[in-house]
Each structure stands twice: as structure tokens, then as C-alpha cells.
């Protein structure tokens, strides 16, 4: 089977390179006019117009931005032969974007994808499938070529699923950048991005080693309400950071108290957070 690719970014590279590495042929790649994408060169595949691509490929992946996806999926579904398989890798949109075309599904990598050119971007990833049951075999074949795994989700759950994925993939980078700014303000010498990343990685590894409150560390789980108040005071000139700190601390309290409802130390921290006068 030959794969056709619409798009020239990270998801297009991830599925295209995984397909090629697994021995699959690539019919061609369609990128918008004026695009600087090097995907056709990287995958040694011809540039084709969308109508040519859809007519010739066995499976077509539509890997463009979420905002452009609905209109493009509808237009592709309108010209796709009935036997053609169509899918998109969006975590937020359902496969019904391709309606009324029946052979359609979505397959979202639960992974932060690297820029085109990186090796094995889907190796070991979990690909979350949504679509008709008869499409699951096709999705599994794609995962096999990519050396990935497949899970399934109902279309009505995709919004919640995508919000979860965004929390894990997007916001840690924002938190690390906040950390970087505060360390710079503190005048700590010799601290670089690698040091901050290592701190975060150690916390992630600790989180993965257990499934109870031992996966957390810091003043909230130690019940040190005075330290939490001090941090909030120190962040008063950065109200956005202060709000993020307080919101995450309060959520951490709730998570720990669900597991340990009698934890009086964490209860004191939660009371302090609820009593704090924040903008």
C-alpha cells in the first residue's frame, strides 16, 4: 500500500518517515503553495496536487493545523474514491470531519513530535485511534510500521483527551521557562537549560515510579504552609506566575487528599491557599 501525505510539518514527517522506515511506499506529498517545507526532499517523494494524491494513494494522511483541518478534510472527502482510506492525526477533531466518506479515522500520537528530519519520531509511541471498527486494522498496520502501539477512544471523549495531552506536552515547557526567569532573577550562576531540564526529568521519573503521594515532592506534600505563603508573596509582582503557582499547588493538595483524606499537613496548605487573597 502507498501512503499519500497532505502537509509538510511535524505530524506529516512523523507518519511519513515511520511509514517509509517500515517498508511502505510514499505516493507523494502535497504542501501548500509557497511552503518552505523540505518534506518531499527528506522523504524522496514527489510533490503532487491534492487531487492527484487522493486519486493515486491507498491511504491519505491529512496532517495540517487544527484550524485548517475541517475545511480541507471536507474537500478531500468530496473527491476521494470510495475505496480510499483517509485519516488525520489531530487529537481534538473527530474522524467525522471526512463525512460522508466512510473509510476514515483519526490517529493521534500521544507524543511531542520533533521537527522534520529527526529519527524514529513514533518509535514506541501510543497512537490513539478513533473511528469505525473496520478502520482499526488499518490503523494497527500503520502502528506496526511505526513500531508504535494503538489505543482507542470514543469521538465524544476527544476534547477531554486532547486537554490532557496539552497539559502534558505543552505546559511543562511554559513552567520550565518560568523557572528559568526566576533563577535568572535570583542571580544563580552557572545554571543552564540542561540543569533545569534535568530537574524536571528527575521529577517526572519519580512520578513514574509510583502511583501514590510518593510521586510528589516539595512544600505542598510536606505540609509546609509557611513556605507556600512565602512563595506566593515573592511572586506578587508576577501575578500570572503567582496564579499558576497557587492553582497548581491547590490542585496538588486535592490530588493528595483524594488518596490521603486524613493528611492534616496538606489540609493546612489547602486552607492557606484558599485563604490567600490573589488577583
Protein backbone atom coordinates (compact mmCIF):
# COMPACT_ATOMS: atom_id res chain seq x y z
CA UNK A 1 0.00 0.00 0.00
CA UNK A 2 1.16 3.51 -0.75
CA UNK A 3 0.76 6.49 1.55
CA UNK A 4 -0.16 9.98 0.40
CA UNK A 5 0.69 12.92 2.66
CA UNK A 6 -1.05 16.28 2.83
CA UNK A 7 1.03 18.71 4.88
CA UNK A 8 4.69 19.42 5.49
CA UNK A 9 5.13 19.73 9.24
CA UNK A 10 5.93 17.55 12.24
CA UNK A 11 2.99 15.15 12.07
CA UNK A 12 3.41 14.73 8.32
CA UNK A 13 7.08 13.88 8.86
CA UNK A 14 6.31 11.54 11.77
CA UNK A 15 3.86 9.39 9.83
CA UNK A 16 5.70 9.66 6.52
CA UNK A 17 9.11 8.72 7.90
CA UNK A 18 7.65 5.90 10.01
CA UNK A 19 5.79 4.52 7.01
CA UNK A 20 8.90 4.64 4.83
CA UNK A 21 11.11 3.13 7.54
CA UNK A 22 8.64 0.27 7.84
CA UNK A 23 9.00 -0.53 4.15
CA UNK A 24 5.94 1.33 2.85
CA UNK A 25 5.92 3.35 -0.35
CA UNK A 26 5.04 7.03 -0.46
CA UNK A 27 2.94 8.10 -3.45
CA UNK A 28 3.63 11.78 -2.97
CA UNK A 29 3.33 14.82 -0.75
CA UNK A 30 1.07 17.82 -1.14
CA UNK A 31 2.15 21.06 0.53
CA UNK A 32 0.60 24.48 0.15
CA UNK A 33 1.92 26.80 -2.49
CA UNK A 34 4.90 28.79 -1.25
CA UNK A 35 5.59 26.38 1.63
CA UNK A 36 9.22 26.14 2.74
CA UNK A 37 8.73 22.54 3.88
CA UNK A 38 11.56 20.17 2.90
CA UNK A 39 9.43 17.10 3.47
CA UNK A 40 9.34 15.97 -0.17
CA UNK A 41 13.13 16.07 -0.28
CA UNK A 42 13.53 14.41 3.12
CA UNK A 43 11.24 11.55 2.12
CA UNK A 44 12.41 11.47 -1.50
CA UNK A 45 8.81 11.76 -2.67
CA UNK A 46 7.25 13.83 -5.48
CA UNK A 47 5.23 16.96 -4.87
CA UNK A 48 1.68 16.33 -6.07
CA UNK A 49 -1.53 18.33 -6.18
CA UNK A 50 -4.14 17.12 -3.70
CA UNK A 51 -6.44 15.72 -6.38
CA UNK A 52 -3.56 13.71 -7.90
CA UNK A 53 -2.54 12.44 -4.48
CA UNK A 54 -6.02 11.35 -3.46
CA UNK A 55 -6.57 9.62 -6.77
CA UNK A 56 -3.37 7.57 -6.58
CA UNK A 57 -2.56 6.75 -2.92
CA UNK A 58 -4.10 3.87 -0.96
CA UNK A 59 -4.09 5.77 2.35
CA UNK A 60 -4.01 9.55 2.71
CA UNK A 61 -2.96 11.29 5.92
CA UNK A 62 -4.14 14.89 6.23
CA UNK A 63 -1.62 16.45 8.61
CA UNK A 64 -2.29 20.19 8.77
CA UNK A 65 -3.15 22.63 11.57
CA UNK A 66 -6.35 22.05 13.54
CA UNK A 67 -7.80 25.32 12.25
CA UNK A 68 -7.31 24.31 8.60
CA UNK A 69 -8.33 20.68 9.07
CA UNK A 70 -12.18 20.80 8.87
CA UNK A 71 -12.38 22.56 5.50
CA UNK A 72 -9.56 20.53 3.99
CA UNK A 73 -10.97 17.21 5.19
CA UNK A 74 -14.36 18.02 3.67
CA UNK A 75 -12.83 18.97 0.35
CA UNK A 76 -10.68 15.82 0.24
CA UNK A 77 -13.60 13.58 1.20
CA UNK A 78 -15.60 15.06 -1.68
CA UNK A 79 -13.06 13.89 -4.27
CA UNK A 80 -11.78 10.68 -2.65
CA UNK A 81 -12.68 7.36 -4.28
CA UNK A 82 -14.90 5.20 -2.07
CA UNK A 83 -12.10 2.64 -1.54
CA UNK A 84 -9.59 5.25 -0.30
CA UNK A 85 -8.61 5.30 3.37
CA UNK A 86 -8.39 8.81 4.86
CA UNK A 87 -7.11 9.77 8.30
CA UNK A 88 -5.89 12.77 10.23
CA UNK A 89 -3.58 12.92 13.29
CA UNK A 90 -5.49 15.57 15.25
CA UNK A 91 -6.08 14.93 18.92
CA UNK A 92 -9.04 17.29 19.14
CA UNK A 93 -11.03 16.73 15.93
CA UNK A 94 -13.09 13.58 15.24
CA UNK A 95 -12.85 11.48 12.10
CA UNK A 96 -16.34 12.66 11.13
CA UNK A 97 -14.62 15.66 9.51
CA UNK A 98 -14.35 13.36 6.50
CA UNK A 99 -18.11 12.71 6.35
CA UNK A 100 -19.79 11.38 4.30
CA UNK A 101 -16.69 9.39 3.29
CA UNK A 102 -16.92 6.09 5.19
CA UNK A 103 -13.32 4.88 5.17
CA UNK A 104 -11.96 7.46 7.58
CA UNK A 105 -10.42 7.60 11.04
CA UNK A 106 -8.14 9.68 13.26
CA UNK A 107 -4.84 8.52 14.75
CA UNK A 108 -3.19 10.89 17.22
CA UNK A 109 0.31 10.31 18.60
CA UNK A 110 0.42 10.81 22.36
CA UNK A 111 3.87 12.29 21.99
CA UNK A 112 5.53 15.65 21.42
CA UNK A 113 6.73 15.35 17.83
CA UNK A 114 10.14 16.61 16.71
CA UNK A 115 10.85 18.76 13.68
CA UNK A 116 11.19 17.05 10.28
CA UNK A 117 14.48 15.23 9.97
CA UNK A 118 14.52 13.55 13.39
CA UNK A 119 14.88 9.77 13.50
CA UNK A 120 12.06 7.40 14.53
CA UNK A 121 9.66 10.06 15.84
CA UNK A 122 6.91 7.49 16.53
CA UNK A 123 9.08 4.64 17.81
CA UNK A 124 7.35 3.27 20.92
CA UNK A 125 4.63 5.94 20.88
CA UNK A 126 0.99 5.34 21.78
CA UNK A 127 -1.25 6.15 18.80
CA UNK A 128 -4.81 6.92 19.89
CA UNK A 129 -7.36 5.68 17.33
CA UNK A 130 -10.89 6.98 16.79
CA UNK A 131 -13.17 5.80 14.03
CA UNK A 132 -15.24 2.86 12.79
CA UNK A 133 -14.21 -0.59 13.93
CA UNK A 134 -13.36 -1.70 10.39
CA UNK A 135 -10.67 1.02 10.27
CA UNK A 136 -8.88 -0.31 13.35
CA UNK A 137 -6.98 -2.90 11.30
CA UNK A 138 -5.63 -0.17 9.01
CA UNK A 139 -4.60 1.93 12.00
CA UNK A 140 -2.89 -1.10 13.55
CA UNK A 141 -0.95 -1.64 10.34
CA UNK A 142 0.29 1.95 10.45
CA UNK A 143 1.32 1.49 14.08
CA UNK A 144 3.17 -1.73 13.27
CA UNK A 145 5.24 0.02 10.60
CA UNK A 146 5.97 2.82 13.06
CA UNK A 147 6.90 0.39 15.87
CA UNK A 148 4.16 2.03 17.92
CA UNK A 149 1.14 0.89 19.94
CA UNK A 150 -2.58 1.58 19.39
CA UNK A 151 -5.31 2.54 21.83
CA UNK A 152 -8.90 3.59 21.10
CA UNK A 153 -11.10 6.48 22.16
CA UNK A 154 -14.73 7.45 21.56
CA UNK A 155 -15.25 10.57 19.44
CA UNK A 156 -17.13 12.39 22.20
CA UNK A 157 -14.14 11.95 24.54
CA UNK A 158 -11.57 13.53 22.26
CA UNK A 159 -11.91 17.02 23.78
CA UNK A 160 -11.03 15.79 27.25
CA UNK A 161 -8.30 13.55 25.86
CA UNK A 162 -6.72 16.44 23.97
CA UNK A 163 -6.86 18.73 27.01
CA UNK A 164 -4.95 16.06 28.94
CA UNK A 165 -2.38 15.76 26.17
CA UNK A 166 -1.90 19.53 26.06
CA UNK A 167 -1.29 19.61 29.82
CA UNK A 168 1.49 17.03 29.49
CA UNK A 169 3.05 18.21 26.23
CA UNK A 170 2.66 21.99 26.14
CA UNK A 171 2.62 23.41 29.64
CA UNK A 172 5.72 21.80 31.14
CA UNK A 173 7.73 23.94 28.69
CA UNK A 174 5.97 27.05 29.99
CA UNK A 175 6.71 26.03 33.59
CA UNK A 176 10.37 25.46 32.77
CA UNK A 177 10.58 28.89 31.16
CA UNK A 178 9.05 30.42 34.32
CA UNK A 179 11.67 28.58 36.36
CA UNK A 180 14.40 29.95 34.09
CA UNK A 181 13.19 33.52 34.59
CA UNK A 182 13.04 33.18 38.37
CA UNK A 183 16.51 31.61 38.57
CA UNK A 184 17.83 34.49 36.49
CA UNK A 185 16.16 36.96 38.88
CA UNK A 186 17.72 35.11 41.81
CA UNK A 187 21.16 35.55 40.29
CA UNK A 188 22.08 31.87 40.38
CA UNK A 189 25.33 31.48 38.47
CA UNK A 190 26.08 28.71 36.02
CA UNK A 191 22.53 27.41 35.74
CA UNK A 192 21.60 26.49 32.19
CA UNK A 193 18.71 24.93 30.34
CA UNK A 194 20.23 21.47 30.82
CA UNK A 195 20.16 21.89 34.61
CA UNK A 196 16.52 22.95 34.59
CA UNK A 197 15.59 20.11 32.24
CA UNK A 198 17.44 17.61 34.47
CA UNK A 199 15.44 18.83 37.48
CA UNK A 200 12.18 18.35 35.61
CA UNK A 201 13.23 14.95 34.25
CA UNK A 202 14.12 13.74 37.74
CA UNK A 203 10.66 14.80 38.95
CA UNK A 204 8.99 13.03 36.01
CA UNK A 205 10.97 9.87 36.68
CA UNK A 206 9.97 9.99 40.35
CA UNK A 207 6.32 10.46 39.32
CA UNK A 208 6.52 7.38 37.11
CA UNK A 209 7.97 5.16 39.82
CA UNK A 210 4.84 5.07 41.99
CA UNK A 211 1.11 5.73 41.90
CA UNK A 212 0.54 7.34 45.28
CA UNK A 213 1.63 10.54 47.02
CA UNK A 214 5.26 9.40 46.90
CA UNK A 215 5.32 10.53 43.28
CA UNK A 216 5.21 14.15 44.53
CA UNK A 217 7.73 16.26 46.39
CA UNK A 218 8.05 19.79 47.73
CA UNK A 219 6.43 22.04 50.32
CA UNK A 220 2.82 21.21 49.44
CA UNK A 221 3.08 17.47 50.13
CA UNK A 222 5.34 18.13 53.12
CA UNK A 223 2.61 20.35 54.53
CA UNK A 224 4.81 23.45 54.78
CA UNK A 225 2.15 26.15 54.54
CA UNK A 226 4.56 28.90 55.59
CA UNK A 227 6.86 28.21 52.63
CA UNK A 228 3.91 28.19 50.23
CA UNK A 229 2.74 31.56 51.60
CA UNK A 230 6.27 32.94 51.25
CA UNK A 231 6.45 31.83 47.63
CA UNK A 232 3.12 33.48 46.87
CA UNK A 233 4.32 36.72 48.46
CA UNK A 234 7.57 36.64 46.48
CA UNK A 235 5.60 36.18 43.26
CA UNK A 236 3.24 39.06 43.93
CA UNK A 237 4.98 41.21 41.32
CA UNK A 238 4.42 38.47 38.75
CA UNK A 239 0.66 37.91 39.08
CA UNK A 240 0.42 35.37 36.26
CA UNK A 241 3.16 33.21 37.78
CA UNK A 242 1.62 33.66 41.20
CA UNK A 243 -1.73 32.48 39.90
CA UNK A 244 -0.15 29.46 38.17
CA UNK A 245 1.78 28.55 41.33
CA UNK A 246 -1.34 28.82 43.51
CA UNK A 247 -3.56 26.89 41.09
CA UNK A 248 -1.10 24.04 40.73
CA UNK A 249 -0.46 23.90 44.47
CA UNK A 250 -4.19 23.75 45.17
CA UNK A 251 -4.69 21.01 42.58
CA UNK A 252 -1.81 19.06 44.12
CA UNK A 253 -3.49 19.34 47.51
CA UNK A 254 -6.70 17.92 46.07
CA UNK A 255 -4.87 15.02 44.40
CA UNK A 256 -3.04 14.07 47.60
CA UNK A 257 -6.17 14.42 49.75
CA UNK A 258 -8.11 12.12 47.45
CA UNK A 259 -5.57 9.45 48.32
CA UNK A 260 -4.97 10.51 51.92
CA UNK A 261 -8.12 12.30 53.19
CA UNK A 262 -6.76 12.49 56.74
CA UNK A 263 -3.49 14.19 55.79
CA UNK A 264 -3.72 17.21 58.11
CA UNK A 265 -0.48 18.77 56.84
CA UNK A 266 -1.76 19.01 53.29
CA UNK A 267 -5.14 20.20 54.57
CA UNK A 268 -3.36 23.15 56.23
CA UNK A 269 -1.69 24.03 52.95
CA UNK A 270 -5.02 23.91 51.15
CA UNK A 271 -6.58 26.17 53.78
CA UNK A 272 -3.72 28.65 53.37
CA UNK A 273 -4.14 28.66 49.60
CA UNK A 274 -7.91 29.17 49.81
CA UNK A 275 -7.40 32.00 52.30
CA UNK A 276 -4.82 33.78 50.16
CA UNK A 277 -6.03 36.99 48.55
CA UNK A 278 -4.96 36.59 44.91
CA UNK A 279 -5.96 38.64 41.89
